[in-house]
Amino acid sequence: MGEPEVLTIDVNGVPTRVWRKGRGAPLGFLAGFGGLPRWVPFLDRLAETRQVIVPSLPGFPGGERGHSLLDTHLDWVLALRRTILAAGLDGADLVGSSVGGSMAAEMAAIWPSSVRKLVLGAPFGLFDAADPPTDPWAQRADRIPGLLCADPETWKALKALPEGANSVEWPIEQTRATEAAARIFWPLGNTRLEKRLPLIAAPTLILWGEQDRIMPLSYAQRIAGLLAGPHEIRIIPGAGHLAELDQPDAVASAILSWMT
């Protein structure tokens, strides 16, 4: 299908990457932990029938250093609101995974008219002391691939140095993305999202990897119990926390069927 179109928008005075590919009604995707340093097959699958728009979050790959300007969770929410508007996603369908799932939920809760239909893939932002999430920032680097994906090689391939990339800058960019996520979700990944979930009016699909080792599967039911509008839970076999990387076809099919 070829490479996506690369656009640049301004978020808080910082240039930020937006990918766009496909035709049809716009469908936004907010990436998970670590961001997206490269285009992935899951996005191609979505782009077969929709215009897929993928803005970067500040500090994530494509987001330069914009995270250093954001000191509070409210700062992050407002920065994402500016990003959604500048990327042409206001009022569109929105998909968020992991870190991006939490931010997508914030958009749908605080600005209900900004999201037509919503997909939340194992979002951060909740904390249950009886069944706590795994803290990815407290792990050894060699454990991260197996925590984020059912197949660790999938994560390693995503983060591998591309041909022609700057071998010094590339690992710095990946580390910066981890720092940016920590700034959003410190401490313990808990933004008290549960207080705002009942405000979501958009029909919501809750997606979870069956082998998620970061966010407990019990949180899917917890989220569903807080949503006032129509919703559904789908569990993806053979997938970890970033289910769209492990099982791109199954996740894309679930999303596209929900969006019809």
C-alpha atoms as a PDB file:
ATOM      1  CA  MET A   1       0.000   0.000   0.000  1.00  0.00           C
ATOM      2  CA  GLY A   2       3.008   2.295   0.192  1.00  0.00           C
ATOM      3  CA  GLU A   3       4.171   4.694   2.853  1.00  0.00           C
ATOM      4  CA  PRO A   4       1.867   7.075   4.746  1.00  0.00           C
ATOM      5  CA  GLU A   5       1.772  10.786   4.085  1.00  0.00           C
ATOM      6  CA  VAL A   6       3.752  12.654   6.733  1.00  0.00           C
ATOM      7  CA  LEU A   7       2.373  15.966   7.959  1.00  0.00           C
ATOM      8  CA  THR A   8       3.654  18.346  10.617  1.00  0.00           C
ATOM      9  CA  ILE A   9       1.436  20.248  13.035  1.00  0.00           C
ATOM     10  CA  ASP A  10       2.304  22.714  15.783  1.00  0.00           C
ATOM     11  CA  VAL A  11       1.528  21.700  19.370  1.00  0.00           C
ATOM     12  CA  ASN A  12       2.540  24.262  21.997  1.00  0.00           C
ATOM     13  CA  GLY A  13       5.120  25.680  19.589  1.00  0.00           C
ATOM     14  CA  VAL A  14       6.720  22.265  18.962  1.00  0.00           C
ATOM     15  CA  PRO A  15       6.565  20.505  15.559  1.00  0.00           C
ATOM     16  CA  THR A  16       4.715  17.194  15.836  1.00  0.00           C
ATOM     17  CA  ARG A  17       4.384  14.386  13.286  1.00  0.00           C
ATOM     18  CA  VAL A  18       1.065  13.205  11.908  1.00  0.00           C
ATOM     19  CA  TRP A  19       0.772  10.174   9.629  1.00  0.00           C
ATOM     20  CA  ARG A  20      -2.157   9.907   7.229  1.00  0.00           C
ATOM     21  CA  LYS A  21      -3.062   7.040   4.907  1.00  0.00           C
ATOM     22  CA  GLY A  22      -6.125   5.598   3.195  1.00  0.00           C
ATOM     23  CA  ARG A  23      -9.484   6.948   2.138  1.00  0.00           C
ATOM     24  CA  GLY A  24     -12.896   7.210   3.690  1.00  0.00           C
ATOM     25  CA  ALA A  25     -14.111   8.558   7.001  1.00  0.00           C
ATOM     26  CA  PRO A  26     -11.240   9.622   9.298  1.00  0.00           C
ATOM     27  CA  LEU A  27     -10.171   7.233  12.032  1.00  0.00           C
ATOM     28  CA  GLY A  28      -7.643   8.435  14.601  1.00  0.00           C
ATOM     29  CA  PHE A  29      -5.165   6.216  16.408  1.00  0.00           C
ATOM     30  CA  LEU A  30      -3.250   7.156  19.557  1.00  0.00           C
ATOM     31  CA  ALA A  31      -0.321   4.794  20.075  1.00  0.00           C
ATOM     32  CA  GLY A  32       0.556   2.876  23.205  1.00  0.00           C
ATOM     33  CA  PHE A  33       3.567   2.709  25.505  1.00  0.00           C
ATOM     34  CA  GLY A  34       6.715   3.690  23.628  1.00  0.00           C
ATOM     35  CA  GLY A  35       4.829   5.281  20.745  1.00  0.00           C
ATOM     36  CA  LEU A  36       5.309   4.272  17.123  1.00  0.00           C
ATOM     37  CA  PRO A  37       8.790   4.843  15.710  1.00  0.00           C
ATOM     38  CA  ARG A  38       7.642   3.229  12.446  1.00  0.00           C
ATOM     39  CA  TRP A  39       4.450   2.490  10.538  1.00  0.00           C
ATOM     40  CA  VAL A  40       3.064  -0.971  11.441  1.00  0.00           C
ATOM     41  CA  PRO A  41       0.880  -3.582   9.637  1.00  0.00           C
ATOM     42  CA  PHE A  42      -2.074  -2.918  11.936  1.00  0.00           C
ATOM     43  CA  LEU A  43      -2.374   0.607  10.512  1.00  0.00           C
ATOM     44  CA  ASP A  44      -2.265  -0.705   6.944  1.00  0.00           C
ATOM     45  CA  ARG A  45      -5.165  -3.002   7.745  1.00  0.00           C
ATOM     46  CA  LEU A  46      -7.236  -0.068   9.018  1.00  0.00           C
ATOM     47  CA  ALA A  47      -6.242   2.042   6.001  1.00  0.00           C
ATOM     48  CA  GLU A  48      -7.794  -0.475   3.607  1.00  0.00           C
ATOM     49  CA  THR A  49     -11.229   1.017   4.333  1.00  0.00           C
ATOM     50  CA  ARG A  50     -10.625   4.188   6.377  1.00  0.00           C
ATOM     51  CA  GLN A  51      -8.509   7.335   6.283  1.00  0.00           C
ATOM     52  CA  VAL A  52      -6.176   6.570   9.175  1.00  0.00           C
ATOM     53  CA  ILE A  53      -4.696   9.569  10.994  1.00  0.00           C
ATOM     54  CA  VAL A  54      -1.964   8.925  13.567  1.00  0.00           C
ATOM     55  CA  PRO A  55      -0.752  11.957  15.533  1.00  0.00           C
ATOM     56  CA  SER A  56       2.224  11.585  17.841  1.00  0.00           C
ATOM     57  CA  LEU A  57       1.978  12.501  21.488  1.00  0.00           C
ATOM     58  CA  PRO A  58       4.494  15.087  22.757  1.00  0.00           C
ATOM     59  CA  GLY A  59       7.851  13.483  23.467  1.00  0.00           C
ATOM     60  CA  PHE A  60       6.974  10.258  21.659  1.00  0.00           C
ATOM     61  CA  PRO A  61       8.568   9.318  18.314  1.00  0.00           C
ATOM     62  CA  GLY A  62       7.597  12.138  15.975  1.00  0.00           C
ATOM     63  CA  GLY A  63       6.708  14.408  18.891  1.00  0.00           C
ATOM     64  CA  GLU A  64      10.156  15.914  19.392  1.00  0.00           C
ATOM     65  CA  ARG A  65      10.652  17.303  22.932  1.00  0.00           C
ATOM     66  CA  GLY A  66       7.218  18.752  23.591  1.00  0.00           C
ATOM     67  CA  HIS A  67       6.767  16.654  26.736  1.00  0.00           C
ATOM     68  CA  SER A  68       9.192  18.884  28.656  1.00  0.00           C
ATOM     69  CA  LEU A  69       6.629  21.700  28.502  1.00  0.00           C
ATOM     70  CA  LEU A  70       3.911  19.651  30.214  1.00  0.00           C
ATOM     71  CA  ASP A  71       4.001  19.614  34.019  1.00  0.00           C
ATOM     72  CA  THR A  72       0.568  18.307  35.012  1.00  0.00           C
ATOM     73  CA  HIS A  73      -1.953  15.797  33.730  1.00  0.00           C
ATOM     74  CA  LEU A  74      -4.185  18.704  32.705  1.00  0.00           C
ATOM     75  CA  ASP A  75      -1.318  20.018  30.568  1.00  0.00           C
ATOM     76  CA  TRP A  76      -1.220  16.673  28.738  1.00  0.00           C
ATOM     77  CA  VAL A  77      -4.975  16.558  28.197  1.00  0.00           C
ATOM     78  CA  LEU A  78      -5.003  20.078  26.765  1.00  0.00           C
ATOM     79  CA  ALA A  79      -1.999  19.346  24.551  1.00  0.00           C
ATOM     80  CA  LEU A  80      -3.785  16.316  23.144  1.00  0.00           C
ATOM     81  CA  ARG A  81      -6.916  18.394  22.562  1.00  0.00           C
ATOM     82  CA  ARG A  82      -4.844  20.803  20.472  1.00  0.00           C
ATOM     83  CA  THR A  83      -3.348  17.831  18.644  1.00  0.00           C
ATOM     84  CA  ILE A  84      -6.756  16.326  17.861  1.00  0.00           C
ATOM     85  CA  LEU A  85      -7.989  19.647  16.465  1.00  0.00           C
ATOM     86  CA  ALA A  86      -4.856  20.313  14.399  1.00  0.00           C
ATOM     87  CA  ALA A  87      -4.841  16.759  12.991  1.00  0.00           C
ATOM     88  CA  GLY A  88      -8.430  17.057  11.737  1.00  0.00           C
ATOM     89  CA  LEU A  89      -9.831  14.452  14.143  1.00  0.00           C
ATOM     90  CA  ASP A  90     -12.445  16.494  15.991  1.00  0.00           C
ATOM     91  CA  GLY A  91     -15.719  14.553  15.811  1.00  0.00           C
ATOM     92  CA  ALA A  92     -14.065  11.482  14.265  1.00  0.00           C
ATOM     93  CA  ASP A  93     -13.811   7.884  15.453  1.00  0.00           C
ATOM     94  CA  LEU A  94     -10.902   7.475  17.866  1.00  0.00           C
ATOM     95  CA  VAL A  95      -8.830   4.435  18.838  1.00  0.00           C
ATOM     96  CA  GLY A  96      -6.315   4.480  21.671  1.00  0.00           C
ATOM     97  CA  SER A  97      -3.997   1.763  22.931  1.00  0.00           C
ATOM     98  CA  SER A  98      -2.391   1.612  26.367  1.00  0.00           C
ATOM     99  CA  VAL A  99      -1.084   5.126  27.046  1.00  0.00           C
ATOM    100  CA  GLY A 100      -3.047   6.365  24.028  1.00  0.00           C
ATOM    101  CA  GLY A 101      -6.161   4.577  25.283  1.00  0.00           C
ATOM    102  CA  SER A 102      -6.159   6.606  28.469  1.00  0.00           C
ATOM    103  CA  MET A 103      -5.791   9.832  26.518  1.00  0.00           C
ATOM    104  CA  ALA A 104      -8.539   8.836  24.066  1.00  0.00           C
ATOM    105  CA  ALA A 105     -10.846   8.219  27.037  1.00  0.00           C
ATOM    106  CA  GLU A 106     -10.073  11.693  28.375  1.00  0.00           C
ATOM    107  CA  MET A 107     -11.029  13.244  25.026  1.00  0.00           C
ATOM    108  CA  ALA A 108     -14.336  11.376  24.917  1.00  0.00           C
ATOM    109  CA  ALA A 109     -15.169  12.207  28.543  1.00  0.00           C
ATOM    110  CA  ILE A 110     -14.294  15.904  28.607  1.00  0.00           C
ATOM    111  CA  TRP A 111     -15.312  16.793  25.035  1.00  0.00           C
ATOM    112  CA  PRO A 112     -18.118  14.294  24.262  1.00  0.00           C
ATOM    113  CA  SER A 113     -18.874  15.717  20.821  1.00  0.00           C
ATOM    114  CA  SER A 114     -15.240  15.278  19.775  1.00  0.00           C
ATOM    115  CA  VAL A 115     -15.488  11.472  19.513  1.00  0.00           C
ATOM    116  CA  ARG A 116     -18.084   9.616  17.415  1.00  0.00           C
ATOM    117  CA  LYS A 117     -17.111   6.062  18.355  1.00  0.00           C
ATOM    118  CA  LEU A 118     -14.354   5.034  20.732  1.00  0.00           C
ATOM    119  CA  VAL A 119     -12.020   2.056  21.104  1.00  0.00           C
ATOM    120  CA  LEU A 120     -10.008   1.631  24.311  1.00  0.00           C
ATOM    121  CA  GLY A 121      -7.195  -0.906  24.185  1.00  0.00           C
ATOM    122  CA  ALA A 122      -6.091  -1.783  27.744  1.00  0.00           C
ATOM    123  CA  PRO A 123      -5.848   1.886  28.769  1.00  0.00           C
ATOM    124  CA  PHE A 124      -3.597   3.162  31.516  1.00  0.00           C
ATOM    125  CA  GLY A 125      -5.047   5.517  34.119  1.00  0.00           C
ATOM    126  CA  LEU A 126      -6.677   3.163  36.631  1.00  0.00           C
ATOM    127  CA  PHE A 127      -5.265   1.517  39.751  1.00  0.00           C
ATOM    128  CA  ASP A 128      -6.699  -1.202  41.976  1.00  0.00           C
ATOM    129  CA  ALA A 129      -4.507  -2.021  44.970  1.00  0.00           C
ATOM    130  CA  ALA A 130      -6.027  -5.505  45.116  1.00  0.00           C
ATOM    131  CA  ASP A 131      -5.023  -6.197  41.504  1.00  0.00           C
ATOM    132  CA  PRO A 132      -2.347  -3.634  40.586  1.00  0.00           C
ATOM    133  CA  PRO A 133      -0.934  -3.119  37.101  1.00  0.00           C
ATOM    134  CA  THR A 134       2.675  -3.946  36.380  1.00  0.00           C
ATOM    135  CA  ASP A 135       4.790  -0.803  36.584  1.00  0.00           C
ATOM    136  CA  PRO A 136       6.772  -0.757  33.294  1.00  0.00           C
ATOM    137  CA  TRP A 137       9.093   1.986  34.567  1.00  0.00           C
ATOM    138  CA  ALA A 138      10.288  -0.250  37.413  1.00  0.00           C
ATOM    139  CA  GLN A 139      11.383  -3.112  35.136  1.00  0.00           C
ATOM    140  CA  ARG A 140      14.771  -4.124  33.787  1.00  0.00           C
ATOM    141  CA  ALA A 141      15.131  -3.243  30.115  1.00  0.00           C
ATOM    142  CA  ASP A 142      15.389  -6.906  29.106  1.00  0.00           C
ATOM    143  CA  ARG A 143      11.931  -7.638  30.593  1.00  0.00           C
ATOM    144  CA  ILE A 144      10.067  -4.916  28.710  1.00  0.00           C
ATOM    145  CA  PRO A 145       9.564  -6.773  25.370  1.00  0.00           C
ATOM    146  CA  GLY A 146       7.896  -9.736  27.087  1.00  0.00           C
ATOM    147  CA  LEU A 147       5.680  -7.474  29.179  1.00  0.00           C
ATOM    148  CA  LEU A 148       4.396  -5.381  26.294  1.00  0.00           C
ATOM    149  CA  CYS A 149       3.902  -8.090  23.662  1.00  0.00           C
ATOM    150  CA  ALA A 150       2.966 -11.765  23.827  1.00  0.00           C
ATOM    151  CA  ASP A 151       5.881 -12.363  21.467  1.00  0.00           C
ATOM    152  CA  PRO A 152       8.887 -10.336  22.698  1.00  0.00           C
ATOM    153  CA  GLU A 153      10.366 -10.364  19.193  1.00  0.00           C
ATOM    154  CA  THR A 154       7.466  -8.200  18.003  1.00  0.00           C
ATOM    155  CA  TRP A 155       8.493  -5.390  20.361  1.00  0.00           C
ATOM    156  CA  LYS A 156      12.156  -5.807  19.510  1.00  0.00           C
ATOM    157  CA  ALA A 157      11.380  -5.501  15.786  1.00  0.00           C
ATOM    158  CA  LEU A 158       9.365  -2.311  16.386  1.00  0.00           C
ATOM    159  CA  LYS A 159      12.260  -0.724  18.264  1.00  0.00           C
ATOM    160  CA  ALA A 160      15.107  -2.035  16.094  1.00  0.00           C
ATOM    161  CA  LEU A 161      17.307   0.581  14.450  1.00  0.00           C
ATOM    162  CA  PRO A 162      16.052   1.152  10.869  1.00  0.00           C
ATOM    163  CA  GLU A 163      18.493   1.165   8.004  1.00  0.00           C
ATOM    164  CA  GLY A 164      19.913   4.655   7.590  1.00  0.00           C
ATOM    165  CA  ALA A 165      18.754   5.908  10.996  1.00  0.00           C
ATOM    166  CA  ASN A 166      21.113   7.806  13.306  1.00  0.00           C
ATOM    167  CA  SER A 167      22.474   5.139  15.648  1.00  0.00           C
ATOM    168  CA  VAL A 168      23.044   7.713  18.394  1.00  0.00           C
ATOM    169  CA  GLU A 169      19.756   9.605  18.180  1.00  0.00           C
ATOM    170  CA  TRP A 170      17.496   6.554  17.704  1.00  0.00           C
ATOM    171  CA  PRO A 171      17.893   5.053  21.217  1.00  0.00           C
ATOM    172  CA  ILE A 172      17.595   8.526  22.723  1.00  0.00           C
ATOM    173  CA  GLU A 173      14.224   8.969  20.992  1.00  0.00           C
ATOM    174  CA  GLN A 174      12.993   5.632  22.364  1.00  0.00           C
ATOM    175  CA  THR A 175      14.095   6.513  25.896  1.00  0.00           C
ATOM    176  CA  ARG A 176      12.427   9.899  25.568  1.00  0.00           C
ATOM    177  CA  ALA A 177       9.118   8.184  24.804  1.00  0.00           C
ATOM    178  CA  THR A 178       9.367   6.175  28.017  1.00  0.00           C
ATOM    179  CA  GLU A 179      10.085   9.387  29.928  1.00  0.00           C
ATOM    180  CA  ALA A 180       7.118  11.128  28.326  1.00  0.00           C
ATOM    181  CA  ALA A 181       4.756   8.331  29.372  1.00  0.00           C
ATOM    182  CA  ALA A 182       6.122   8.486  32.905  1.00  0.00           C
ATOM    183  CA  ARG A 183       5.374  12.220  33.025  1.00  0.00           C
ATOM    184  CA  ILE A 184       1.734  11.541  32.103  1.00  0.00           C
ATOM    185  CA  PHE A 185       1.107   8.679  34.518  1.00  0.00           C
ATOM    186  CA  TRP A 186       3.290   9.258  37.555  1.00  0.00           C
ATOM    187  CA  PRO A 187       2.756   7.775  40.100  1.00  0.00           C
ATOM    188  CA  LEU A 188       1.735   4.170  39.458  1.00  0.00           C
ATOM    189  CA  GLY A 189      -0.031   4.978  36.204  1.00  0.00           C
ATOM    190  CA  ASN A 190      -3.045   6.274  38.148  1.00  0.00           C
ATOM    191  CA  THR A 191      -4.733   9.395  36.745  1.00  0.00           C
ATOM    192  CA  ARG A 192      -8.053   8.517  38.473  1.00  0.00           C
ATOM    193  CA  LEU A 193      -9.595   8.008  35.070  1.00  0.00           C
ATOM    194  CA  GLU A 194     -12.461   6.090  36.697  1.00  0.00           C
ATOM    195  CA  LYS A 195     -13.947   9.429  37.829  1.00  0.00           C
ATOM    196  CA  ARG A 196     -14.358  10.533  34.206  1.00  0.00           C
ATOM    197  CA  LEU A 197     -15.310   7.287  32.472  1.00  0.00           C
ATOM    198  CA  PRO A 198     -19.043   7.752  33.320  1.00  0.00           C
ATOM    199  CA  LEU A 199     -18.984  10.967  31.250  1.00  0.00           C
ATOM    200  CA  ILE A 200     -18.217   9.092  28.021  1.00  0.00           C
ATOM    201  CA  ALA A 201     -21.242   9.121  25.706  1.00  0.00           C
ATOM    202  CA  ALA A 202     -19.608   7.572  22.632  1.00  0.00           C
ATOM    203  CA  PRO A 203     -20.274   3.879  21.950  1.00  0.00           C
ATOM    204  CA  THR A 204     -17.136   2.214  23.285  1.00  0.00           C
ATOM    205  CA  LEU A 205     -15.328  -0.996  22.394  1.00  0.00           C
ATOM    206  CA  ILE A 206     -12.988  -2.259  25.129  1.00  0.00           C
ATOM    207  CA  LEU A 207     -10.171  -4.372  23.689  1.00  0.00           C
ATOM    208  CA  TRP A 208      -7.798  -6.493  25.766  1.00  0.00           C
ATOM    209  CA  GLY A 209      -4.998  -8.877  24.918  1.00  0.00           C
ATOM    210  CA  GLU A 210      -5.608 -12.244  26.518  1.00  0.00           C
ATOM    211  CA  GLN A 211      -1.959 -12.360  27.612  1.00  0.00           C
ATOM    212  CA  ASP A 212      -1.679  -8.745  28.829  1.00  0.00           C
ATOM    213  CA  ARG A 213       1.064  -8.679  31.468  1.00  0.00           C
ATOM    214  CA  ILE A 214       0.768  -4.938  32.182  1.00  0.00           C
ATOM    215  CA  MET A 215      -2.919  -4.157  32.743  1.00  0.00           C
ATOM    216  CA  PRO A 216      -4.915  -6.940  34.477  1.00  0.00           C
ATOM    217  CA  LEU A 217      -7.821  -8.331  32.477  1.00  0.00           C
ATOM    218  CA  SER A 218     -10.097  -7.506  35.423  1.00  0.00           C
ATOM    219  CA  TYR A 219      -9.785  -3.843  34.455  1.00  0.00           C
ATOM    220  CA  ALA A 220     -11.816  -4.456  31.289  1.00  0.00           C
ATOM    221  CA  GLN A 221     -14.872  -5.288  33.407  1.00  0.00           C
ATOM    222  CA  ARG A 222     -14.061  -2.405  35.745  1.00  0.00           C
ATOM    223  CA  ILE A 223     -14.123   0.034  32.812  1.00  0.00           C
ATOM    224  CA  ALA A 224     -17.304  -1.485  31.389  1.00  0.00           C
ATOM    225  CA  GLY A 225     -19.030  -1.074  34.745  1.00  0.00           C
ATOM    226  CA  LEU A 226     -18.288   2.650  34.735  1.00  0.00           C
ATOM    227  CA  LEU A 227     -19.431   3.450  31.198  1.00  0.00           C
ATOM    228  CA  ALA A 228     -22.935   4.891  30.906  1.00  0.00           C
ATOM    229  CA  GLY A 229     -23.243   4.479  27.140  1.00  0.00           C
ATOM    230  CA  PRO A 230     -23.286   1.399  24.890  1.00  0.00           C
ATOM    231  CA  HIS A 231     -20.161  -0.707  25.156  1.00  0.00           C
ATOM    232  CA  GLU A 232     -18.686  -4.124  24.478  1.00  0.00           C
ATOM    233  CA  ILE A 233     -15.607  -6.079  25.595  1.00  0.00           C
ATOM    234  CA  ARG A 234     -13.545  -8.159  23.185  1.00  0.00           C
ATOM    235  CA  ILE A 235     -10.591 -10.278  24.275  1.00  0.00           C
ATOM    236  CA  ILE A 236      -7.888 -10.897  21.647  1.00  0.00           C
ATOM    237  CA  PRO A 237      -6.311 -14.386  21.857  1.00  0.00           C
ATOM    238  CA  GLY A 238      -2.555 -14.593  21.405  1.00  0.00           C
ATOM    239  CA  ALA A 239      -2.057 -10.909  22.204  1.00  0.00           C
ATOM    240  CA  GLY A 240      -0.285  -9.056  24.966  1.00  0.00           C
ATOM    241  CA  HIS A 241      -0.653  -5.498  26.240  1.00  0.00           C
ATOM    242  CA  LEU A 242      -0.091  -3.948  22.806  1.00  0.00           C
ATOM    243  CA  ALA A 243      -2.539  -6.281  21.109  1.00  0.00           C
ATOM    244  CA  GLU A 244      -2.401  -4.387  17.810  1.00  0.00           C
ATOM    245  CA  LEU A 245       1.254  -5.358  17.438  1.00  0.00           C
ATOM    246  CA  ASP A 246       0.792  -9.037  18.312  1.00  0.00           C
ATOM    247  CA  GLN A 247      -2.428  -9.626  16.379  1.00  0.00           C
ATOM    248  CA  PRO A 248      -2.818  -6.785  13.857  1.00  0.00           C
ATOM    249  CA  ASP A 249      -5.480  -8.444  11.705  1.00  0.00           C
ATOM    250  CA  ALA A 250      -7.680  -9.538  14.611  1.00  0.00           C
ATOM    251  CA  VAL A 251      -7.498  -6.146  16.326  1.00  0.00           C
ATOM    252  CA  ALA A 252      -8.129  -4.211  13.113  1.00  0.00           C
ATOM    253  CA  SER A 253     -11.099  -6.447  12.242  1.00  0.00           C
ATOM    254  CA  ALA A 254     -12.615  -5.906  15.696  1.00  0.00           C
ATOM    255  CA  ILE A 255     -12.206  -2.141  15.387  1.00  0.00           C
ATOM    256  CA  LEU A 256     -13.582  -1.872  11.852  1.00  0.00           C
ATOM    257  CA  SER A 257     -16.638  -4.001  12.666  1.00  0.00           C
ATOM    258  CA  TRP A 258     -17.334  -1.811  15.709  1.00  0.00           C
ATOM    259  CA  MET A 259     -17.027   1.387  13.706  1.00  0.00           C
ATOM    260  CA  THR A 260     -19.650   0.458  11.080  1.00  0.00           C
END
